[in-house]
Protein backbone atom coordinates (compact mmCIF):
# COMPACT_ATOMS: atom_id res chain seq x y z
CA MET A 1 0.00 0.00 0.00
CA ILE A 2 1.30 3.44 -0.93
CA LYS A 3 1.48 6.02 1.85
CA GLU A 4 0.99 9.53 0.48
CA ILE A 5 3.21 12.14 2.12
CA ARG A 6 1.59 15.58 2.06
CA ASN A 7 2.99 17.28 5.16
CA ILE A 8 5.67 17.05 7.85
CA GLU A 9 3.49 14.90 10.12
CA ASP A 10 3.12 12.29 7.37
CA LEU A 11 6.86 12.47 6.75
CA GLU A 12 7.76 11.86 10.39
CA GLN A 13 5.53 8.78 10.48
CA ILE A 14 7.73 7.10 7.87
CA ALA A 15 10.40 6.30 10.44
CA GLN A 16 7.85 5.01 12.96
CA LYS A 17 5.63 2.96 10.63
CA LEU A 18 7.60 1.90 7.60
CA PRO A 19 5.12 1.68 4.74
CA GLU A 20 5.82 -0.54 1.76
CA GLU A 21 6.02 2.50 -0.49
CA VAL A 22 5.57 6.27 -0.25
CA LYS A 23 4.51 8.97 -2.69
CA PHE A 24 5.41 12.58 -2.03
CA SER A 25 2.69 15.12 -2.76
CA PHE A 26 3.95 18.24 -1.02
CA PRO A 27 2.03 21.25 -2.39
CA SER A 28 5.12 23.47 -2.00
CA LEU A 29 7.20 21.21 -4.30
CA ASP A 30 6.89 20.78 -8.04
CA ASP A 31 6.25 17.38 -9.62
CA ALA A 32 9.93 16.70 -10.32
CA GLN A 33 10.93 17.43 -6.73
CA ASN A 34 8.11 15.27 -5.34
CA GLU A 35 9.18 12.45 -7.66
CA GLU A 36 12.84 12.79 -6.64
CA TRP A 37 12.01 12.57 -2.92
CA THR A 38 9.62 9.69 -3.57
CA THR A 39 12.40 7.75 -5.29
CA ARG A 40 14.97 8.51 -2.59
CA PHE A 41 12.70 7.40 0.24
CA ASN A 42 11.40 4.31 -1.54
CA ASN A 43 14.94 3.14 -2.25
CA LEU A 44 15.71 3.28 1.48
CA ILE A 45 12.40 1.75 2.56
CA ARG A 46 13.06 -1.27 0.33
CA GLU A 47 16.39 -2.04 2.03
CA CYS A 48 15.82 -5.16 4.13
CA GLY A 49 19.29 -5.75 5.56
CA CYS A 50 19.99 -8.70 3.27
CA SER A 51 23.08 -7.16 1.68
CA SER A 52 24.48 -6.41 5.12
CA GLY A 53 23.81 -9.99 6.22
CA GLN A 54 25.56 -11.23 3.10
CA GLN A 55 28.59 -9.04 3.82
CA PHE A 56 28.79 -10.35 7.38
CA LEU A 57 28.70 -13.91 6.03
CA LEU A 58 31.33 -13.24 3.38
CA LEU A 59 33.70 -11.85 5.99
CA ALA A 60 33.04 -14.45 8.68
CA THR A 61 32.87 -17.68 6.66
CA PRO A 62 36.64 -18.00 6.04
CA VAL A 63 37.28 -17.50 9.75
CA TYR A 64 34.69 -20.14 10.61
CA ILE A 65 36.22 -22.59 8.13
CA VAL A 66 39.66 -22.14 9.67
CA ALA A 67 38.17 -22.54 13.14
CA ILE A 68 36.39 -25.75 12.14
CA ILE A 69 39.59 -27.16 10.62
CA LEU A 70 41.49 -26.35 13.80
CA LEU A 71 38.78 -27.90 15.97
CA ILE A 72 38.74 -31.06 13.86
CA THR A 73 42.52 -31.27 14.08
CA PHE A 74 43.06 -30.48 17.74
CA THR A 75 39.91 -31.65 19.56
CA SER A 76 38.03 -34.87 19.91
CA LEU A 77 34.61 -33.32 19.34
CA PRO A 78 32.40 -35.39 17.04
CA LYS A 79 32.20 -34.07 13.48
CA GLN A 80 28.41 -33.81 13.73
CA ILE A 81 28.77 -31.34 16.62
CA LEU A 82 31.31 -29.31 14.66
CA ILE A 83 29.02 -29.18 11.64
CA ILE A 84 26.13 -28.02 13.84
CA LEU A 85 28.38 -25.35 15.37
CA PHE A 86 29.45 -24.19 11.91
CA ILE A 87 25.87 -23.94 10.65
CA ALA A 88 24.71 -22.20 13.85
CA ALA A 89 27.55 -19.69 13.54
CA LEU A 90 26.54 -18.94 9.95
CA VAL A 91 22.87 -18.46 10.87
CA ILE A 92 23.71 -16.19 13.80
CA THR A 93 26.15 -14.17 11.71
CA GLY A 94 23.63 -13.72 8.89
CA ALA A 95 20.92 -12.66 11.33
CA ALA A 96 23.26 -10.22 13.06
CA GLY A 97 24.17 -8.72 9.69
CA LYS A 98 20.53 -8.38 8.72
CA ILE A 99 19.71 -6.67 12.03
CA ALA A 100 22.68 -4.33 11.60
CA GLY A 101 21.46 -3.51 8.09
CA ILE A 102 17.97 -2.70 9.30
CA ILE A 103 19.33 -0.46 12.06
CA GLN A 104 21.53 1.29 9.51
CA ARG A 105 18.56 1.73 7.14
CA ASN A 106 16.49 3.31 9.91
CA LYS A 107 19.30 5.77 10.67
CA LYS A 108 19.53 6.63 6.97
CA ILE A 109 15.77 7.27 6.85
CA GLU A 110 16.04 9.62 9.84
CA LYS A 111 18.92 11.41 8.15
CA LEU A 112 16.98 11.71 4.90
CA ILE A 113 13.96 13.10 6.77
CA ASN A 114 16.20 15.77 8.34
CA GLN A 115 17.76 16.50 4.95
CA PHE A 116 14.30 16.90 3.43
CA LYS A 117 13.26 19.31 6.17
CA GLN A 118 16.41 21.40 5.67
CA ASN A 119 16.62 21.43 1.89
CA ALA A 120 13.21 20.91 0.35
CA LEU A 121 11.23 23.06 2.72
CA ALA A 122 13.76 25.88 3.08
């Protein structure tokens, strides 16, 4: 559902209740400006944290592989336990990356709201 943004109150609700999509219709802006802000906000709203989760996994996986090899070599833990640990570490790392991405997205939305207030309404 598209949330139409017509005033500052509507704009401030974006950060609190992330809609699926927004459409700017500020009377003080022309069509091109409304379209530009619509695009900028929608690009941020669509960020789900997946790319951040992927980055976390790409960075952590080699470390986990080395750790598993060392554990296999120097401990007597069953291989099934080590495989479960490896998979659990990957799931936790991916989830942590996704959460970090969502937090980062929310901060970017707040920053964009402040930028809109300073630039578009000045």
